[in-house]
Amino acid sequence: MSLTTVSYVLSGRLGGTTRISRPTQDRVHAAARELGYVPNRAARGMRRGRTDLVAVAVMDLDDAWDRALATAAAGILLRYGYQPVILVGESWRAFMLSGGADGVILGSVPADRSRGDLETMAELAARGVAQLVFSDTLDTDGVDVLPPGTRSPDGAGALFEQAVATLARRLRG
């Protein structure tokens, strides 16, 4: 069996105009399972131009609201086909500017976003990166904004579901 056939089967492309028989596909998948094959997400992301990762940026996992958002978003994102990456502190800016994820949910709700946050958000918006921020006051082009409500983690599940659904719609274009 050729390397090209294996590549087509494992990538799901199935050869374009070339037909790959079901028995051949089954043999490729069986061999991949037996060998413990795991796709290289980074390589696949480079080829497809997207990572299928969404960053959830929070400031402090000791904060009940941030912790509830990270926990809820991690579960909800998987249902939309995205792998969550939970980032704590200021690291989200460098991660996102390096192309680390397709989108970001900014969870902490400081009274005012820092200048660095705003500059990063503007740069990401210019690149077309999907962003969602919780804020009562922020109004930035290219960024979806949801009011955080009471910031009580109790009963915030519907808000978090809305946040992830909003970001998923933006990611799908």
N, C-alpha and C. Protein backbone atom coordinates (compact mmCIF):
# COMPACT_ATOMS: atom_id res chain seq x y z
N MET A 1 0.86 -1.17 0.00
CA MET A 1 0.00 0.00 0.00
C MET A 1 0.91 1.24 0.00
N SER A 2 0.53 2.24 -0.76
CA SER A 2 1.40 3.41 -0.91
C SER A 2 1.22 4.40 0.24
N LEU A 3 2.25 5.20 0.46
CA LEU A 3 2.21 6.27 1.45
C LEU A 3 1.10 7.26 1.13
N THR A 4 0.88 7.52 -0.14
CA THR A 4 -0.17 8.45 -0.56
C THR A 4 -1.54 7.93 -0.15
N THR A 5 -1.77 6.63 -0.35
CA THR A 5 -3.06 6.03 0.03
C THR A 5 -3.29 6.18 1.53
N VAL A 6 -2.27 5.86 2.32
CA VAL A 6 -2.37 5.98 3.78
C VAL A 6 -2.65 7.43 4.17
N SER A 7 -1.96 8.36 3.55
CA SER A 7 -2.16 9.78 3.85
C SER A 7 -3.59 10.20 3.55
N TYR A 8 -4.09 9.80 2.38
CA TYR A 8 -5.47 10.14 2.02
C TYR A 8 -6.48 9.58 3.01
N VAL A 9 -6.30 8.34 3.40
CA VAL A 9 -7.25 7.70 4.30
C VAL A 9 -7.21 8.37 5.68
N LEU A 10 -6.01 8.57 6.24
CA LEU A 10 -5.90 9.13 7.58
C LEU A 10 -6.32 10.60 7.66
N SER A 11 -6.19 11.31 6.55
CA SER A 11 -6.60 12.72 6.54
C SER A 11 -8.08 12.88 6.23
N GLY A 12 -8.70 11.82 5.78
CA GLY A 12 -10.12 11.90 5.42
C GLY A 12 -10.36 12.40 4.01
N ARG A 13 -9.29 12.63 3.25
CA ARG A 13 -9.45 13.14 1.88
C ARG A 13 -9.86 12.04 0.90
N LEU A 14 -9.47 10.83 1.18
CA LEU A 14 -9.84 9.64 0.40
C LEU A 14 -9.51 9.75 -1.09
N GLY A 15 -8.46 10.46 -1.42
CA GLY A 15 -7.91 10.39 -2.77
C GLY A 15 -8.50 11.33 -3.80
N GLY A 16 -9.36 12.22 -3.42
CA GLY A 16 -9.92 13.15 -4.40
C GLY A 16 -10.67 12.40 -5.49
N THR A 17 -10.14 12.37 -6.70
CA THR A 17 -10.80 11.67 -7.81
C THR A 17 -10.49 10.18 -7.78
N THR A 18 -9.49 9.77 -6.99
CA THR A 18 -9.14 8.36 -6.89
C THR A 18 -10.01 7.71 -5.83
N ARG A 19 -10.60 6.59 -6.15
CA ARG A 19 -11.43 5.87 -5.20
C ARG A 19 -10.56 4.92 -4.39
N ILE A 20 -10.75 4.94 -3.08
CA ILE A 20 -10.04 4.01 -2.20
C ILE A 20 -11.09 3.07 -1.63
N SER A 21 -10.91 1.81 -1.85
CA SER A 21 -11.92 0.83 -1.46
C SER A 21 -12.11 0.79 0.05
N ARG A 22 -13.28 0.39 0.47
CA ARG A 22 -13.60 0.26 1.90
C ARG A 22 -12.62 -0.71 2.58
N PRO A 23 -12.32 -1.90 1.97
CA PRO A 23 -11.37 -2.81 2.63
C PRO A 23 -9.98 -2.18 2.83
N THR A 24 -9.53 -1.39 1.86
CA THR A 24 -8.24 -0.71 2.01
C THR A 24 -8.30 0.32 3.13
N GLN A 25 -9.38 1.10 3.18
CA GLN A 25 -9.55 2.06 4.27
C GLN A 25 -9.55 1.36 5.62
N ASP A 26 -10.25 0.23 5.70
CA ASP A 26 -10.32 -0.52 6.95
C ASP A 26 -8.94 -1.03 7.37
N ARG A 27 -8.13 -1.51 6.40
CA ARG A 27 -6.77 -1.97 6.73
C ARG A 27 -5.90 -0.83 7.24
N VAL A 28 -6.03 0.35 6.61
CA VAL A 28 -5.24 1.52 7.06
C VAL A 28 -5.63 1.90 8.48
N HIS A 29 -6.93 1.97 8.76
CA HIS A 29 -7.38 2.34 10.11
C HIS A 29 -6.98 1.30 11.15
N ALA A 30 -7.05 0.01 10.78
CA ALA A 30 -6.64 -1.06 11.71
C ALA A 30 -5.15 -0.95 12.03
N ALA A 31 -4.34 -0.72 11.01
CA ALA A 31 -2.89 -0.58 11.23
C ALA A 31 -2.59 0.65 12.09
N ALA A 32 -3.31 1.74 11.84
CA ALA A 32 -3.10 2.96 12.63
C ALA A 32 -3.43 2.72 14.10
N ARG A 33 -4.54 2.02 14.35
CA ARG A 33 -4.91 1.69 15.74
C ARG A 33 -3.85 0.80 16.38
N GLU A 34 -3.43 -0.22 15.66
CA GLU A 34 -2.44 -1.18 16.19
C GLU A 34 -1.12 -0.48 16.51
N LEU A 35 -0.74 0.48 15.69
CA LEU A 35 0.52 1.20 15.90
C LEU A 35 0.39 2.37 16.86
N GLY A 36 -0.85 2.68 17.30
CA GLY A 36 -1.05 3.80 18.22
C GLY A 36 -0.88 5.16 17.54
N TYR A 37 -1.19 5.21 16.26
CA TYR A 37 -1.05 6.46 15.50
C TYR A 37 -1.93 7.57 16.10
N VAL A 38 -1.33 8.74 16.26
CA VAL A 38 -2.04 9.93 16.70
C VAL A 38 -1.71 11.04 15.70
N PRO A 39 -2.72 11.67 15.09
CA PRO A 39 -2.44 12.73 14.12
C PRO A 39 -1.68 13.89 14.76
N ASN A 40 -0.80 14.49 14.01
CA ASN A 40 -0.07 15.68 14.46
C ASN A 40 -0.98 16.88 14.22
N ARG A 41 -1.57 17.40 15.31
CA ARG A 41 -2.52 18.52 15.19
C ARG A 41 -1.86 19.76 14.61
N ALA A 42 -0.61 20.00 14.95
CA ALA A 42 0.08 21.19 14.44
C ALA A 42 0.26 21.11 12.93
N ALA A 43 0.68 19.95 12.45
CA ALA A 43 0.86 19.77 11.01
C ALA A 43 -0.47 19.88 10.28
N ARG A 44 -1.51 19.25 10.84
CA ARG A 44 -2.83 19.32 10.23
C ARG A 44 -3.33 20.76 10.22
N GLY A 45 -3.09 21.49 11.31
CA GLY A 45 -3.50 22.89 11.37
C GLY A 45 -2.81 23.75 10.34
N MET A 46 -1.51 23.49 10.12
CA MET A 46 -0.79 24.26 9.10
C MET A 46 -1.36 24.01 7.72
N ARG A 47 -1.68 22.75 7.43
CA ARG A 47 -2.22 22.41 6.11
C ARG A 47 -3.59 23.03 5.91
N ARG A 48 -4.44 22.99 6.96
CA ARG A 48 -5.81 23.47 6.85
C ARG A 48 -5.94 24.96 7.11
N GLY A 49 -4.92 25.57 7.71
CA GLY A 49 -5.00 27.00 8.00
C GLY A 49 -5.81 27.31 9.25
N ARG A 50 -6.05 26.29 10.09
CA ARG A 50 -6.73 26.52 11.36
C ARG A 50 -6.31 25.43 12.34
N THR A 51 -6.42 25.75 13.61
CA THR A 51 -5.95 24.84 14.64
C THR A 51 -7.05 24.03 15.29
N ASP A 52 -8.28 24.48 15.20
CA ASP A 52 -9.42 23.91 15.94
C ASP A 52 -9.22 24.02 17.44
N LEU A 53 -8.39 24.99 17.85
CA LEU A 53 -8.18 25.30 19.27
C LEU A 53 -8.85 26.63 19.58
N VAL A 54 -9.43 26.73 20.76
CA VAL A 54 -9.96 28.00 21.24
C VAL A 54 -9.36 28.24 22.62
N ALA A 55 -8.75 29.40 22.79
CA ALA A 55 -8.17 29.77 24.08
C ALA A 55 -9.26 30.35 24.97
N VAL A 56 -9.23 29.97 26.22
CA VAL A 56 -10.09 30.55 27.24
C VAL A 56 -9.14 31.22 28.22
N ALA A 57 -9.10 32.55 28.17
CA ALA A 57 -8.14 33.31 28.97
C ALA A 57 -8.80 33.85 30.22
N VAL A 58 -8.28 33.44 31.35
CA VAL A 58 -8.77 33.91 32.65
C VAL A 58 -7.59 34.43 33.45
N MET A 59 -7.87 35.23 34.44
CA MET A 59 -6.78 35.80 35.25
C MET A 59 -6.43 34.94 36.46
N ASP A 60 -7.41 34.24 37.02
CA ASP A 60 -7.16 33.58 38.30
C ASP A 60 -8.13 32.42 38.49
N LEU A 61 -7.62 31.21 38.49
CA LEU A 61 -8.50 30.05 38.68
C LEU A 61 -9.00 29.92 40.11
N ASP A 62 -8.46 30.73 41.02
CA ASP A 62 -9.02 30.79 42.37
C ASP A 62 -10.29 31.63 42.40
N ASP A 63 -10.49 32.47 41.37
CA ASP A 63 -11.71 33.26 41.26
C ASP A 63 -12.84 32.33 40.79
N ALA A 64 -13.94 32.29 41.53
CA ALA A 64 -15.01 31.34 41.24
C ALA A 64 -15.59 31.53 39.83
N TRP A 65 -15.74 32.79 39.39
CA TRP A 65 -16.32 33.04 38.06
C TRP A 65 -15.37 32.57 36.96
N ASP A 66 -14.09 32.90 37.08
CA ASP A 66 -13.10 32.45 36.08
C ASP A 66 -13.04 30.93 36.03
N ARG A 67 -13.05 30.30 37.20
CA ARG A 67 -12.98 28.84 37.27
C ARG A 67 -14.23 28.23 36.63
N ALA A 68 -15.40 28.80 36.90
CA ALA A 68 -16.65 28.30 36.31
C ALA A 68 -16.62 28.46 34.79
N LEU A 69 -16.13 29.59 34.31
CA LEU A 69 -16.04 29.80 32.86
C LEU A 69 -15.10 28.78 32.23
N ALA A 70 -13.91 28.60 32.80
CA ALA A 70 -12.94 27.66 32.24
C ALA A 70 -13.52 26.25 32.19
N THR A 71 -14.16 25.85 33.27
CA THR A 71 -14.74 24.50 33.34
C THR A 71 -15.87 24.34 32.33
N ALA A 72 -16.78 25.29 32.29
CA ALA A 72 -17.92 25.20 31.37
C ALA A 72 -17.47 25.27 29.92
N ALA A 73 -16.60 26.23 29.60
CA ALA A 73 -16.15 26.40 28.22
C ALA A 73 -15.42 25.15 27.73
N ALA A 74 -14.63 24.52 28.60
CA ALA A 74 -13.91 23.31 28.20
C ALA A 74 -14.87 22.24 27.73
N GLY A 75 -15.97 22.06 28.43
CA GLY A 75 -16.95 21.06 28.02
C GLY A 75 -17.75 21.48 26.81
N ILE A 76 -18.16 22.73 26.77
CA ILE A 76 -19.01 23.22 25.68
C ILE A 76 -18.23 23.25 24.36
N LEU A 77 -16.98 23.71 24.40
CA LEU A 77 -16.18 23.80 23.17
C LEU A 77 -16.04 22.45 22.48
N LEU A 78 -15.88 21.39 23.26
CA LEU A 78 -15.74 20.06 22.68
C LEU A 78 -16.98 19.69 21.87
N ARG A 79 -18.15 20.10 22.33
CA ARG A 79 -19.39 19.80 21.59
C ARG A 79 -19.41 20.52 20.23
N TYR A 80 -18.71 21.63 20.12
CA TYR A 80 -18.65 22.38 18.86
C TYR A 80 -17.46 21.95 18.00
N GLY A 81 -16.70 20.96 18.46
CA GLY A 81 -15.57 20.46 17.68
C GLY A 81 -14.27 21.21 17.91
N TYR A 82 -14.19 21.99 18.98
CA TYR A 82 -12.97 22.74 19.28
C TYR A 82 -12.32 22.21 20.55
N GLN A 83 -11.01 22.18 20.55
CA GLN A 83 -10.25 21.78 21.72
C GLN A 83 -9.95 23.04 22.54
N PRO A 84 -10.33 23.05 23.81
CA PRO A 84 -10.05 24.23 24.64
C PRO A 84 -8.60 24.25 25.13
N VAL A 85 -8.07 25.45 25.24
CA VAL A 85 -6.77 25.69 25.85
C VAL A 85 -7.01 26.75 26.92
N ILE A 86 -6.84 26.38 28.18
CA ILE A 86 -7.07 27.31 29.28
C ILE A 86 -5.77 28.04 29.57
N LEU A 87 -5.81 29.35 29.48
CA LEU A 87 -4.64 30.19 29.74
C LEU A 87 -4.91 31.06 30.96
N VAL A 88 -3.96 31.12 31.86
CA VAL A 88 -4.12 31.88 33.09
C VAL A 88 -3.14 33.05 33.08
N GLY A 89 -3.64 34.23 33.37
CA GLY A 89 -2.79 35.42 33.44
C GLY A 89 -2.65 36.11 32.10
N GLU A 90 -1.55 36.80 31.94
CA GLU A 90 -1.32 37.62 30.74
C GLU A 90 -0.81 36.84 29.54
N SER A 91 -0.54 35.56 29.69
CA SER A 91 0.06 34.77 28.61
C SER A 91 -0.82 34.68 27.36
N TRP A 92 -2.10 34.98 27.49
CA TRP A 92 -3.00 34.84 26.35
C TRP A 92 -2.58 35.70 25.17
N ARG A 93 -2.01 36.89 25.46
CA ARG A 93 -1.66 37.80 24.36
C ARG A 93 -0.60 37.19 23.45
N ALA A 94 0.52 36.74 24.02
CA ALA A 94 1.59 36.15 23.21
C ALA A 94 1.10 34.89 22.51
N PHE A 95 0.31 34.07 23.22
CA PHE A 95 -0.21 32.83 22.64
C PHE A 95 -1.06 33.14 21.41
N MET A 96 -1.96 34.08 21.52
CA MET A 96 -2.84 34.40 20.41
C MET A 96 -2.11 35.11 19.28
N LEU A 97 -1.21 36.00 19.59
CA LEU A 97 -0.46 36.70 18.54
C LEU A 97 0.44 35.75 17.76
N SER A 98 0.82 34.63 18.37
CA SER A 98 1.66 33.65 17.68
C SER A 98 0.83 32.69 16.83
N GLY A 99 -0.49 32.88 16.81
CA GLY A 99 -1.37 32.01 16.04
C GLY A 99 -1.71 30.73 16.77
N GLY A 100 -1.63 30.76 18.09
CA GLY A 100 -1.84 29.56 18.90
C GLY A 100 -3.24 28.98 18.85
N ALA A 101 -4.25 29.79 18.54
CA ALA A 101 -5.63 29.29 18.51
C ALA A 101 -6.43 30.08 17.49
N ASP A 102 -7.55 29.50 17.09
CA ASP A 102 -8.43 30.14 16.11
C ASP A 102 -9.27 31.25 16.71
N GLY A 103 -9.47 31.20 18.01
CA GLY A 103 -10.29 32.20 18.68
C GLY A 103 -9.98 32.23 20.15
N VAL A 104 -10.51 33.26 20.83
CA VAL A 104 -10.24 33.41 22.26
C VAL A 104 -11.49 33.94 22.96
N ILE A 105 -11.72 33.40 24.14
CA ILE A 105 -12.74 33.93 25.05
C ILE A 105 -11.98 34.56 26.21
N LEU A 106 -12.17 35.86 26.39
CA LEU A 106 -11.51 36.57 27.49
C LEU A 106 -12.47 36.59 28.66
N GLY A 107 -12.12 35.83 29.69
CA GLY A 107 -13.07 35.58 30.76
C GLY A 107 -13.06 36.55 31.91
N SER A 108 -11.91 36.99 32.34
CA SER A 108 -11.87 37.89 33.49
C SER A 108 -12.48 39.21 33.12
N VAL A 109 -13.08 39.86 34.07
CA VAL A 109 -13.79 41.11 33.78
C VAL A 109 -13.22 42.24 34.62
N PRO A 110 -12.02 42.69 34.29
CA PRO A 110 -11.52 43.85 35.01
C PRO A 110 -12.34 45.08 34.63
N ALA A 111 -12.33 46.07 35.49
CA ALA A 111 -13.11 47.29 35.21
C ALA A 111 -12.69 47.88 33.87
N ASP A 112 -11.43 47.88 33.60
CA ASP A 112 -10.91 48.38 32.32
C ASP A 112 -9.86 47.41 31.82
N ARG A 113 -9.91 47.08 30.55
CA ARG A 113 -8.88 46.24 29.95
C ARG A 113 -7.59 47.06 29.88
N SER A 114 -6.46 46.38 30.03
CA SER A 114 -5.18 47.08 29.97
C SER A 114 -4.92 47.54 28.54
N ARG A 115 -4.02 48.47 28.40
CA ARG A 115 -3.64 48.95 27.07
C ARG A 115 -3.11 47.79 26.22
N GLY A 116 -2.32 46.90 26.85
CA GLY A 116 -1.81 45.73 26.13
C GLY A 116 -2.93 44.84 25.64
N ASP A 117 -3.96 44.64 26.49
CA ASP A 117 -5.11 43.84 26.08
C ASP A 117 -5.79 44.47 24.86
N LEU A 118 -6.03 45.77 24.94
CA LEU A 118 -6.74 46.45 23.85
C LEU A 118 -5.94 46.42 22.55
N GLU A 119 -4.62 46.61 22.65
CA GLU A 119 -3.79 46.55 21.46
C GLU A 119 -3.80 45.15 20.85
N THR A 120 -3.72 44.15 21.70
CA THR A 120 -3.76 42.77 21.21
C THR A 120 -5.10 42.47 20.57
N MET A 121 -6.17 42.89 21.22
CA MET A 121 -7.50 42.66 20.66
C MET A 121 -7.64 43.33 19.30
N ALA A 122 -7.12 44.54 19.16
CA ALA A 122 -7.20 45.25 17.88
C ALA A 122 -6.40 44.51 16.80
N GLU A 123 -5.21 44.04 17.16
CA GLU A 123 -4.38 43.30 16.19
C GLU A 123 -5.07 42.00 15.78
N LEU A 124 -5.62 41.29 16.74
CA LEU A 124 -6.31 40.04 16.42
C LEU A 124 -7.55 40.31 15.55
N ALA A 125 -8.27 41.37 15.84
CA ALA A 125 -9.44 41.74 15.03
C ALA A 125 -9.01 42.03 13.59
N ALA A 126 -7.88 42.74 13.44
CA ALA A 126 -7.38 43.05 12.10
C ALA A 126 -7.00 41.78 11.34
N ARG A 127 -6.58 40.76 12.06
CA ARG A 127 -6.24 39.47 11.45
C ARG A 127 -7.47 38.59 11.22
N GLY A 128 -8.61 39.02 11.73
CA GLY A 128 -9.83 38.24 11.56
C GLY A 128 -9.98 37.11 12.57
N VAL A 129 -9.27 37.20 13.69
CA VAL A 129 -9.36 36.17 14.72
C VAL A 129 -10.62 36.38 15.54
N ALA A 130 -11.39 35.33 15.74
CA ALA A 130 -12.62 35.41 16.51
C ALA A 130 -12.30 35.67 17.99
N GLN A 131 -13.00 36.65 18.57
CA GLN A 131 -12.78 37.00 19.97
C GLN A 131 -14.11 37.27 20.64
N LEU A 132 -14.19 36.87 21.89
CA LEU A 132 -15.35 37.19 22.69
C LEU A 132 -14.84 37.65 24.04
N VAL A 133 -15.36 38.77 24.51
CA VAL A 133 -14.94 39.30 25.80
C VAL A 133 -16.17 39.60 26.64
N PHE A 134 -16.06 39.34 27.92
CA PHE A 134 -17.12 39.71 28.85
C PHE A 134 -16.83 41.11 29.35
N SER A 135 -17.77 42.04 29.13
CA SER A 135 -17.56 43.42 29.58
C SER A 135 -18.89 44.16 29.58
N ASP A 136 -19.02 45.06 30.52
CA ASP A 136 -20.17 45.97 30.55
C ASP A 136 -19.88 47.26 29.79
N THR A 137 -18.60 47.53 29.52
CA THR A 137 -18.24 48.84 28.98
C THR A 137 -17.49 48.79 27.65
N LEU A 138 -16.87 47.70 27.31
CA LEU A 138 -16.01 47.63 26.13
C LEU A 138 -16.84 47.68 24.85
N ASP A 139 -16.36 48.43 23.88
CA ASP A 139 -16.98 48.50 22.56
C ASP A 139 -15.85 48.57 21.55
N THR A 140 -15.44 47.41 21.04
CA THR A 140 -14.30 47.32 20.14
C THR A 140 -14.73 46.64 18.86
N ASP A 141 -14.39 47.23 17.73
CA ASP A 141 -14.72 46.63 16.43
C ASP A 141 -14.05 45.27 16.30
N GLY A 142 -14.78 44.32 15.74
CA GLY A 142 -14.24 43.00 15.49
C GLY A 142 -14.20 42.08 16.69
N VAL A 143 -14.80 42.51 17.81
CA VAL A 143 -14.82 41.71 19.03
C VAL A 143 -16.26 41.57 19.49
N ASP A 144 -16.69 40.34 19.71
CA ASP A 144 -18.02 40.12 20.27
C ASP A 144 -17.95 40.38 21.77
N VAL A 145 -18.91 41.14 22.28
CA VAL A 145 -18.92 41.51 23.70
C VAL A 145 -20.23 41.03 24.32
N LEU A 146 -20.10 40.35 25.45
CA LEU A 146 -21.27 39.94 26.22
C LEU A 146 -21.16 40.54 27.61
N PRO A 147 -22.26 41.08 28.14
CA PRO A 147 -22.22 41.56 29.52
C PRO A 147 -22.09 40.38 30.46
N PRO A 148 -21.27 40.51 31.50
CA PRO A 148 -21.03 39.37 32.39
C PRO A 148 -22.17 39.08 33.35
N GLY A 149 -23.16 39.93 33.39
CA GLY A 149 -24.23 39.73 34.36
C GLY A 149 -23.74 40.03 35.76
N THR A 150 -24.11 39.21 36.70
CA THR A 150 -23.78 39.47 38.09
C THR A 150 -22.40 38.97 38.49
N ARG A 151 -21.71 38.29 37.59
CA ARG A 151 -20.43 37.63 37.87
C ARG A 151 -20.56 36.53 38.91
N SER A 152 -21.75 36.08 39.12
CA SER A 152 -21.96 34.94 40.02
C SER A 152 -21.79 33.67 39.20
N PRO A 153 -20.94 32.75 39.65
CA PRO A 153 -20.78 31.52 38.88
C PRO A 153 -22.04 30.66 38.89
N ASP A 154 -22.89 30.85 39.90
CA ASP A 154 -24.15 30.12 39.97
C ASP A 154 -25.09 30.65 38.89
N GLY A 155 -25.61 29.76 38.09
CA GLY A 155 -26.54 30.17 37.06
C GLY A 155 -25.89 30.80 35.84
N ALA A 156 -24.55 30.75 35.76
CA ALA A 156 -23.85 31.35 34.63
C ALA A 156 -23.75 30.39 33.44
N GLY A 157 -24.24 29.18 33.60
CA GLY A 157 -24.13 28.18 32.53
C GLY A 157 -24.74 28.65 31.22
N ALA A 158 -25.90 29.27 31.27
CA ALA A 158 -26.55 29.75 30.04
C ALA A 158 -25.72 30.85 29.39
N LEU A 159 -25.12 31.72 30.21
CA LEU A 159 -24.26 32.78 29.68
C LEU A 159 -23.03 32.19 28.99
N PHE A 160 -22.42 31.18 29.63
CA PHE A 160 -21.24 30.56 29.04
C PHE A 160 -21.60 29.81 27.76
N GLU A 161 -22.75 29.17 27.74
CA GLU A 161 -23.21 28.49 26.52
C GLU A 161 -23.41 29.50 25.40
N GLN A 162 -24.00 30.65 25.71
CA GLN A 162 -24.19 31.71 24.72
C GLN A 162 -22.85 32.22 24.21
N ALA A 163 -21.88 32.36 25.12
CA ALA A 163 -20.56 32.86 24.73
C ALA A 163 -19.90 31.92 23.74
N VAL A 164 -19.90 30.63 24.05
CA VAL A 164 -19.25 29.66 23.17
C VAL A 164 -19.99 29.56 21.84
N ALA A 165 -21.31 29.58 21.86
CA ALA A 165 -22.09 29.53 20.62
C ALA A 165 -21.80 30.75 19.75
N THR A 166 -21.68 31.92 20.37
CA THR A 166 -21.36 33.14 19.63
C THR A 166 -20.00 33.03 18.97
N LEU A 167 -19.01 32.55 19.72
CA LEU A 167 -17.66 32.41 19.17
C LEU A 167 -17.64 31.34 18.07
N ALA A 168 -18.34 30.25 18.27
CA ALA A 168 -18.37 29.18 17.25
C ALA A 168 -18.97 29.69 15.94
N ARG A 169 -20.02 30.50 16.04
CA ARG A 169 -20.61 31.08 14.81
C ARG A 169 -19.59 31.97 14.11
N ARG A 170 -18.86 32.75 14.87
CA ARG A 170 -17.84 33.64 14.27
C ARG A 170 -16.75 32.81 13.61
N LEU A 171 -16.34 31.72 14.26
CA LEU A 171 -15.28 30.87 13.70
C LEU A 171 -15.72 30.21 12.41
N ARG A 172 -16.98 29.85 12.33
CA ARG A 172 -17.47 29.17 11.13
C ARG A 172 -17.76 30.15 9.99
N GLY A 173 -17.69 31.45 10.31
CA GLY A 173 -17.86 32.47 9.31
C GLY A 173 -19.27 32.69 8.97
